[in-house]
Amino acid sequence: MGLDMTLYATDGEEMTIEELNKADGLWSTCESFYWRKANSIHNWFVETIQNNNDDCGVYEVSFEQLMELKSKVASVLADNRKGPEVLPTTAGFFFGSTEYNDWYLEDMVLTLNHLNKCEQMYEANPDCKFYYSSSW
């Protein structure tokens, strides 16, 4: 049990969560990026994309919003002290640690890697669509 988070990137198709789950891992249709208990990243998606509605739904995310998140992550990685201000942690049932420690920084590095891949996908196909989903 715990906070599981997935960012899906499709080749431009609108997809439901059922379709995304079936296509998971198939590059030509859908690529997925996974986090576990990266509660600061989840908090950003809930506040920015989900209008503070943490309901484990599926939400479309624009490329511009992903680049906003990338900028925030890069800012935290450039100066770790900015974490609490730029990408604060959030507590929740099985959400993991709320400390700003090595695990937090590993989440930032993983997120930056995921977003770099999303950026490459978008540059290759500006029609691709991104969706965020979580469960806990």
N, C-alpha and C. Protein backbone atom coordinates (compact mmCIF):
# COMPACT_ATOMS: atom_id res chain seq x y z
N MET A 1 0.84 -1.18 0.00
CA MET A 1 0.00 0.00 0.00
C MET A 1 0.88 1.24 0.00
N GLY A 2 0.37 2.27 -0.59
CA GLY A 2 1.10 3.52 -0.61
C GLY A 2 0.68 4.37 -1.78
N LEU A 3 1.29 5.50 -1.88
CA LEU A 3 1.01 6.44 -2.95
C LEU A 3 1.73 5.99 -4.22
N ASP A 4 0.97 5.61 -5.23
CA ASP A 4 1.49 5.24 -6.54
C ASP A 4 1.04 6.29 -7.54
N MET A 5 1.96 6.76 -8.36
CA MET A 5 1.69 7.85 -9.28
C MET A 5 2.19 7.49 -10.67
N THR A 6 1.40 7.82 -11.68
CA THR A 6 1.80 7.54 -13.05
C THR A 6 1.47 8.73 -13.93
N LEU A 7 2.42 9.08 -14.78
CA LEU A 7 2.22 10.07 -15.83
C LEU A 7 2.25 9.31 -17.14
N TYR A 8 1.18 9.42 -17.90
CA TYR A 8 1.08 8.73 -19.18
C TYR A 8 1.31 9.74 -20.30
N ALA A 9 1.99 9.30 -21.34
CA ALA A 9 2.17 10.12 -22.54
C ALA A 9 1.67 9.31 -23.72
N THR A 10 0.68 9.84 -24.44
CA THR A 10 0.14 9.14 -25.59
C THR A 10 0.59 9.84 -26.87
N ASP A 11 0.37 9.18 -27.98
CA ASP A 11 0.79 9.74 -29.26
C ASP A 11 -0.18 10.78 -29.79
N GLY A 12 -1.13 11.19 -28.99
CA GLY A 12 -2.09 12.22 -29.38
C GLY A 12 -3.52 11.79 -29.16
N GLU A 13 -3.71 10.51 -28.89
CA GLU A 13 -5.06 10.01 -28.66
C GLU A 13 -5.57 10.42 -27.29
N GLU A 14 -6.87 10.71 -27.23
CA GLU A 14 -7.53 10.87 -25.94
C GLU A 14 -7.78 9.46 -25.45
N MET A 15 -7.43 9.18 -24.19
CA MET A 15 -7.58 7.83 -23.67
C MET A 15 -8.18 7.83 -22.28
N THR A 16 -8.94 6.78 -21.97
CA THR A 16 -9.46 6.59 -20.62
C THR A 16 -8.40 5.86 -19.81
N ILE A 17 -8.61 5.79 -18.50
CA ILE A 17 -7.65 5.08 -17.66
C ILE A 17 -7.59 3.61 -18.03
N GLU A 18 -8.71 3.01 -18.41
CA GLU A 18 -8.72 1.61 -18.81
C GLU A 18 -7.86 1.42 -20.06
N GLU A 19 -7.99 2.33 -21.02
CA GLU A 19 -7.18 2.25 -22.24
C GLU A 19 -5.71 2.50 -21.93
N LEU A 20 -5.43 3.46 -21.04
CA LEU A 20 -4.05 3.73 -20.67
C LEU A 20 -3.42 2.53 -20.00
N ASN A 21 -4.15 1.86 -19.13
CA ASN A 21 -3.61 0.68 -18.45
C ASN A 21 -3.32 -0.45 -19.42
N LYS A 22 -4.16 -0.63 -20.43
CA LYS A 22 -3.93 -1.67 -21.43
C LYS A 22 -2.74 -1.33 -22.31
N ALA A 23 -2.54 -0.04 -22.60
CA ALA A 23 -1.47 0.39 -23.50
C ALA A 23 -0.15 0.62 -22.78
N ASP A 24 -0.15 0.56 -21.46
CA ASP A 24 1.01 0.87 -20.64
C ASP A 24 2.27 0.19 -21.17
N GLY A 25 3.28 1.00 -21.46
CA GLY A 25 4.56 0.47 -21.90
C GLY A 25 4.71 0.29 -23.40
N LEU A 26 3.68 0.55 -24.15
CA LEU A 26 3.79 0.40 -25.60
C LEU A 26 4.13 1.76 -26.21
N TRP A 27 5.38 1.94 -26.63
CA TRP A 27 5.86 3.24 -27.08
C TRP A 27 5.00 3.85 -28.17
N SER A 28 4.53 3.04 -29.11
CA SER A 28 3.78 3.61 -30.23
C SER A 28 2.44 4.19 -29.79
N THR A 29 1.90 3.73 -28.68
CA THR A 29 0.62 4.21 -28.20
C THR A 29 0.75 5.03 -26.93
N CYS A 30 1.52 4.51 -26.01
CA CYS A 30 1.55 5.12 -24.69
C CYS A 30 2.86 4.80 -23.98
N GLU A 31 3.41 5.78 -23.31
CA GLU A 31 4.57 5.59 -22.45
C GLU A 31 4.14 6.00 -21.05
N SER A 32 4.60 5.27 -20.05
CA SER A 32 4.23 5.63 -18.68
C SER A 32 5.47 5.89 -17.84
N PHE A 33 5.32 6.84 -16.91
CA PHE A 33 6.38 7.23 -16.00
C PHE A 33 5.83 7.07 -14.59
N TYR A 34 6.56 6.37 -13.74
CA TYR A 34 6.04 5.95 -12.44
C TYR A 34 6.85 6.52 -11.29
N TRP A 35 6.14 6.90 -10.23
CA TRP A 35 6.74 7.30 -8.96
C TRP A 35 6.05 6.52 -7.85
N ARG A 36 6.73 6.37 -6.74
CA ARG A 36 6.12 5.77 -5.55
C ARG A 36 6.43 6.67 -4.36
N LYS A 37 5.37 7.16 -3.72
CA LYS A 37 5.46 7.98 -2.51
C LYS A 37 6.26 9.27 -2.70
N ALA A 38 6.26 9.81 -3.90
CA ALA A 38 6.88 11.12 -4.16
C ALA A 38 5.82 12.18 -3.86
N ASN A 39 5.51 12.34 -2.57
CA ASN A 39 4.35 13.14 -2.20
C ASN A 39 4.46 14.62 -2.57
N SER A 40 5.66 15.16 -2.67
CA SER A 40 5.78 16.57 -3.08
C SER A 40 5.37 16.74 -4.55
N ILE A 41 5.70 15.77 -5.37
CA ILE A 41 5.31 15.82 -6.79
C ILE A 41 3.80 15.61 -6.90
N HIS A 42 3.29 14.65 -6.15
CA HIS A 42 1.85 14.42 -6.15
C HIS A 42 1.11 15.68 -5.69
N ASN A 43 1.63 16.32 -4.66
CA ASN A 43 1.02 17.55 -4.16
C ASN A 43 0.96 18.61 -5.26
N TRP A 44 2.02 18.73 -6.06
CA TRP A 44 2.00 19.70 -7.15
C TRP A 44 0.90 19.37 -8.14
N PHE A 45 0.77 18.09 -8.52
CA PHE A 45 -0.28 17.70 -9.46
C PHE A 45 -1.67 17.98 -8.88
N VAL A 46 -1.87 17.66 -7.60
CA VAL A 46 -3.18 17.89 -6.96
C VAL A 46 -3.51 19.38 -6.96
N GLU A 47 -2.56 20.21 -6.56
CA GLU A 47 -2.82 21.65 -6.49
C GLU A 47 -2.93 22.30 -7.87
N THR A 48 -2.08 21.91 -8.79
CA THR A 48 -1.99 22.59 -10.08
C THR A 48 -2.94 22.03 -11.13
N ILE A 49 -3.09 20.73 -11.16
CA ILE A 49 -3.86 20.07 -12.22
C ILE A 49 -5.26 19.67 -11.75
N GLN A 50 -5.35 19.19 -10.52
CA GLN A 50 -6.58 18.60 -10.03
C GLN A 50 -7.45 19.55 -9.21
N ASN A 51 -7.11 20.84 -9.20
CA ASN A 51 -7.90 21.83 -8.48
C ASN A 51 -8.12 21.43 -7.02
N ASN A 52 -7.04 20.92 -6.39
CA ASN A 52 -7.05 20.48 -4.99
C ASN A 52 -8.00 19.33 -4.71
N ASN A 53 -8.34 18.56 -5.73
CA ASN A 53 -9.24 17.43 -5.58
C ASN A 53 -8.44 16.13 -5.69
N ASP A 54 -8.00 15.60 -4.56
CA ASP A 54 -7.16 14.40 -4.53
C ASP A 54 -8.06 13.16 -4.55
N ASP A 55 -8.53 12.79 -5.74
CA ASP A 55 -9.54 11.75 -5.88
C ASP A 55 -9.09 10.52 -6.66
N CYS A 56 -7.81 10.40 -6.93
CA CYS A 56 -7.27 9.25 -7.68
C CYS A 56 -7.86 9.16 -9.09
N GLY A 57 -8.27 10.30 -9.64
CA GLY A 57 -8.81 10.32 -10.99
C GLY A 57 -7.70 10.42 -12.02
N VAL A 58 -8.09 10.55 -13.27
CA VAL A 58 -7.17 10.74 -14.38
C VAL A 58 -7.35 12.17 -14.89
N TYR A 59 -6.23 12.89 -14.99
CA TYR A 59 -6.29 14.29 -15.37
C TYR A 59 -5.33 14.56 -16.52
N GLU A 60 -5.82 15.27 -17.52
CA GLU A 60 -4.93 15.68 -18.61
C GLU A 60 -4.02 16.80 -18.11
N VAL A 61 -2.77 16.74 -18.54
CA VAL A 61 -1.76 17.72 -18.14
C VAL A 61 -1.17 18.30 -19.42
N SER A 62 -1.10 19.61 -19.52
CA SER A 62 -0.53 20.21 -20.73
C SER A 62 1.00 20.13 -20.68
N PHE A 63 1.59 20.20 -21.83
CA PHE A 63 3.05 20.21 -21.92
C PHE A 63 3.61 21.41 -21.16
N GLU A 64 2.94 22.55 -21.27
CA GLU A 64 3.40 23.76 -20.58
C GLU A 64 3.39 23.56 -19.06
N GLN A 65 2.38 22.88 -18.56
CA GLN A 65 2.34 22.61 -17.12
C GLN A 65 3.48 21.69 -16.71
N LEU A 66 3.78 20.70 -17.54
CA LEU A 66 4.91 19.82 -17.23
C LEU A 66 6.23 20.59 -17.22
N MET A 67 6.37 21.55 -18.11
CA MET A 67 7.60 22.35 -18.14
C MET A 67 7.66 23.29 -16.93
N GLU A 68 6.51 23.71 -16.43
CA GLU A 68 6.47 24.49 -15.18
C GLU A 68 6.99 23.63 -14.02
N LEU A 69 6.53 22.38 -13.98
CA LEU A 69 7.01 21.46 -12.94
C LEU A 69 8.50 21.21 -13.10
N LYS A 70 8.95 21.05 -14.32
CA LYS A 70 10.38 20.82 -14.57
C LYS A 70 11.20 22.00 -14.05
N SER A 71 10.74 23.20 -14.25
CA SER A 71 11.43 24.39 -13.76
C SER A 71 11.52 24.39 -12.24
N LYS A 72 10.45 24.00 -11.59
CA LYS A 72 10.44 23.94 -10.12
C LYS A 72 11.41 22.87 -9.62
N VAL A 73 11.41 21.71 -10.26
CA VAL A 73 12.31 20.63 -9.86
C VAL A 73 13.76 21.07 -10.05
N ALA A 74 14.06 21.69 -11.17
CA ALA A 74 15.42 22.16 -11.43
C ALA A 74 15.84 23.19 -10.39
N SER A 75 14.92 24.03 -9.98
CA SER A 75 15.20 25.03 -8.96
C SER A 75 15.57 24.37 -7.62
N VAL A 76 14.83 23.34 -7.25
CA VAL A 76 15.11 22.62 -6.01
C VAL A 76 16.45 21.89 -6.10
N LEU A 77 16.73 21.30 -7.24
CA LEU A 77 18.00 20.59 -7.40
C LEU A 77 19.19 21.55 -7.40
N ALA A 78 18.97 22.77 -7.87
CA ALA A 78 20.04 23.76 -7.87
C ALA A 78 20.32 24.29 -6.45
N ASP A 79 19.27 24.32 -5.62
CA ASP A 79 19.42 24.79 -4.24
C ASP A 79 18.42 24.02 -3.37
N ASN A 80 18.90 22.98 -2.71
CA ASN A 80 18.05 22.09 -1.92
C ASN A 80 17.22 22.82 -0.88
N ARG A 81 17.67 23.96 -0.42
CA ARG A 81 16.94 24.70 0.62
C ARG A 81 15.61 25.24 0.11
N LYS A 82 15.42 25.29 -1.21
CA LYS A 82 14.18 25.81 -1.77
C LYS A 82 13.02 24.80 -1.73
N GLY A 83 13.32 23.54 -1.41
CA GLY A 83 12.30 22.49 -1.42
C GLY A 83 11.02 22.85 -0.70
N PRO A 84 11.09 23.25 0.57
CA PRO A 84 9.86 23.54 1.31
C PRO A 84 9.01 24.66 0.69
N GLU A 85 9.64 25.57 0.01
CA GLU A 85 8.92 26.70 -0.61
C GLU A 85 8.42 26.34 -2.00
N VAL A 86 9.26 25.68 -2.80
CA VAL A 86 8.95 25.45 -4.21
C VAL A 86 8.12 24.20 -4.44
N LEU A 87 8.50 23.09 -3.81
CA LEU A 87 7.78 21.82 -3.94
C LEU A 87 7.64 21.18 -2.56
N PRO A 88 6.71 21.70 -1.75
CA PRO A 88 6.57 21.20 -0.39
C PRO A 88 6.03 19.77 -0.35
N THR A 89 6.46 19.04 0.67
CA THR A 89 5.94 17.70 0.88
C THR A 89 4.53 17.81 1.45
N THR A 90 3.82 16.69 1.42
CA THR A 90 2.48 16.66 1.99
C THR A 90 2.26 15.30 2.66
N ALA A 91 1.60 15.32 3.78
CA ALA A 91 1.32 14.09 4.51
C ALA A 91 0.04 13.46 3.98
N GLY A 92 -0.03 12.17 4.10
CA GLY A 92 -1.22 11.44 3.71
C GLY A 92 -1.08 9.99 4.12
N PHE A 93 -2.16 9.28 4.05
CA PHE A 93 -2.16 7.87 4.43
C PHE A 93 -1.24 7.10 3.50
N PHE A 94 -0.14 6.59 4.02
CA PHE A 94 0.88 5.85 3.25
C PHE A 94 1.54 6.71 2.17
N PHE A 95 1.70 8.03 2.40
CA PHE A 95 2.34 8.92 1.43
C PHE A 95 3.85 8.98 1.58
N GLY A 96 4.41 8.34 2.57
CA GLY A 96 5.85 8.35 2.76
C GLY A 96 6.30 9.54 3.60
N SER A 97 7.59 9.73 3.63
CA SER A 97 8.22 10.74 4.47
C SER A 97 7.91 12.16 4.00
N THR A 98 7.83 13.06 4.96
CA THR A 98 7.68 14.49 4.64
C THR A 98 8.98 15.25 4.91
N GLU A 99 10.06 14.52 5.09
CA GLU A 99 11.37 15.12 5.33
C GLU A 99 11.99 15.59 4.01
N TYR A 100 12.83 16.59 4.10
CA TYR A 100 13.58 17.09 2.94
C TYR A 100 14.98 16.48 3.02
N ASN A 101 15.07 15.23 2.63
CA ASN A 101 16.30 14.46 2.79
C ASN A 101 16.73 13.86 1.45
N ASP A 102 17.59 12.86 1.51
CA ASP A 102 18.09 12.23 0.28
C ASP A 102 16.97 11.59 -0.54
N TRP A 103 15.94 11.03 0.12
CA TRP A 103 14.82 10.44 -0.61
C TRP A 103 14.07 11.52 -1.39
N TYR A 104 13.87 12.65 -0.76
CA TYR A 104 13.21 13.78 -1.42
C TYR A 104 14.00 14.18 -2.68
N LEU A 105 15.32 14.29 -2.53
CA LEU A 105 16.15 14.69 -3.68
C LEU A 105 16.15 13.61 -4.76
N GLU A 106 16.10 12.35 -4.37
CA GLU A 106 16.00 11.28 -5.38
C GLU A 106 14.69 11.41 -6.16
N ASP A 107 13.61 11.78 -5.48
CA ASP A 107 12.34 12.02 -6.18
C ASP A 107 12.49 13.16 -7.19
N MET A 108 13.23 14.20 -6.83
CA MET A 108 13.45 15.32 -7.74
C MET A 108 14.23 14.88 -8.98
N VAL A 109 15.27 14.08 -8.78
CA VAL A 109 16.08 13.59 -9.90
C VAL A 109 15.23 12.70 -10.81
N LEU A 110 14.46 11.79 -10.21
CA LEU A 110 13.59 10.91 -11.00
C LEU A 110 12.59 11.74 -11.79
N THR A 111 12.00 12.73 -11.15
CA THR A 111 11.02 13.59 -11.82
C THR A 111 11.66 14.34 -12.98
N LEU A 112 12.85 14.87 -12.77
CA LEU A 112 13.54 15.57 -13.85
C LEU A 112 13.79 14.63 -15.02
N ASN A 113 14.20 13.41 -14.75
CA ASN A 113 14.41 12.42 -15.82
C ASN A 113 13.12 12.12 -16.57
N HIS A 114 12.03 11.92 -15.82
CA HIS A 114 10.73 11.68 -16.47
C HIS A 114 10.34 12.86 -17.36
N LEU A 115 10.49 14.07 -16.84
CA LEU A 115 10.06 15.25 -17.60
C LEU A 115 10.96 15.51 -18.80
N ASN A 116 12.23 15.18 -18.70
CA ASN A 116 13.11 15.29 -19.88
C ASN A 116 12.64 14.35 -20.98
N LYS A 117 12.23 13.14 -20.62
CA LYS A 117 11.71 12.20 -21.62
C LYS A 117 10.41 12.70 -22.22
N CYS A 118 9.55 13.28 -21.38
CA CYS A 118 8.29 13.85 -21.89
C CYS A 118 8.58 14.99 -22.87
N GLU A 119 9.57 15.80 -22.55
CA GLU A 119 9.95 16.90 -23.43
C GLU A 119 10.45 16.38 -24.78
N GLN A 120 11.24 15.32 -24.76
CA GLN A 120 11.72 14.71 -26.00
C GLN A 120 10.55 14.16 -26.81
N MET A 121 9.60 13.53 -26.14
CA MET A 121 8.42 13.01 -26.84
C MET A 121 7.63 14.13 -27.49
N TYR A 122 7.45 15.22 -26.75
CA TYR A 122 6.68 16.35 -27.27
C TYR A 122 7.39 17.00 -28.46
N GLU A 123 8.70 17.11 -28.37
CA GLU A 123 9.45 17.69 -29.49
C GLU A 123 9.33 16.82 -30.73
N ALA A 124 9.27 15.51 -30.56
CA ALA A 124 9.13 14.59 -31.69
C ALA A 124 7.69 14.56 -32.20
N ASN A 125 6.72 14.82 -31.32
CA ASN A 125 5.31 14.77 -31.70
C ASN A 125 4.53 15.77 -30.84
N PRO A 126 4.36 17.00 -31.32
CA PRO A 126 3.65 18.02 -30.54
C PRO A 126 2.17 17.70 -30.30
N ASP A 127 1.66 16.64 -30.93
CA ASP A 127 0.27 16.23 -30.71
C ASP A 127 0.12 15.29 -29.52
N CYS A 128 1.22 14.85 -28.94
CA CYS A 128 1.09 13.89 -27.84
C CYS A 128 0.36 14.53 -26.67
N LYS A 129 -0.31 13.68 -25.90
CA LYS A 129 -1.09 14.13 -24.75
C LYS A 129 -0.53 13.47 -23.49
N PHE A 130 -0.68 14.17 -22.37
CA PHE A 130 -0.16 13.68 -21.09
C PHE A 130 -1.31 13.60 -20.08
N TYR A 131 -1.28 12.54 -19.28
CA TYR A 131 -2.30 12.31 -18.27
C TYR A 131 -1.63 11.90 -16.96
N TYR A 132 -2.16 12.39 -15.85
CA TYR A 132 -1.65 12.02 -14.53
C TYR A 132 -2.73 11.25 -13.78
N SER A 133 -2.28 10.21 -13.10
CA SER A 133 -3.18 9.43 -12.26
C SER A 133 -2.43 8.97 -11.03
N SER A 134 -3.15 8.82 -9.93
CA SER A 134 -2.54 8.33 -8.69
C SER A 134 -3.51 7.39 -8.00
N SER A 135 -2.95 6.58 -7.11
CA SER A 135 -3.79 5.75 -6.25
C SER A 135 -3.08 5.60 -4.93
N TRP A 136 -3.86 5.40 -3.88
CA TRP A 136 -3.32 5.21 -2.55
C TRP A 136 -4.30 4.45 -1.70
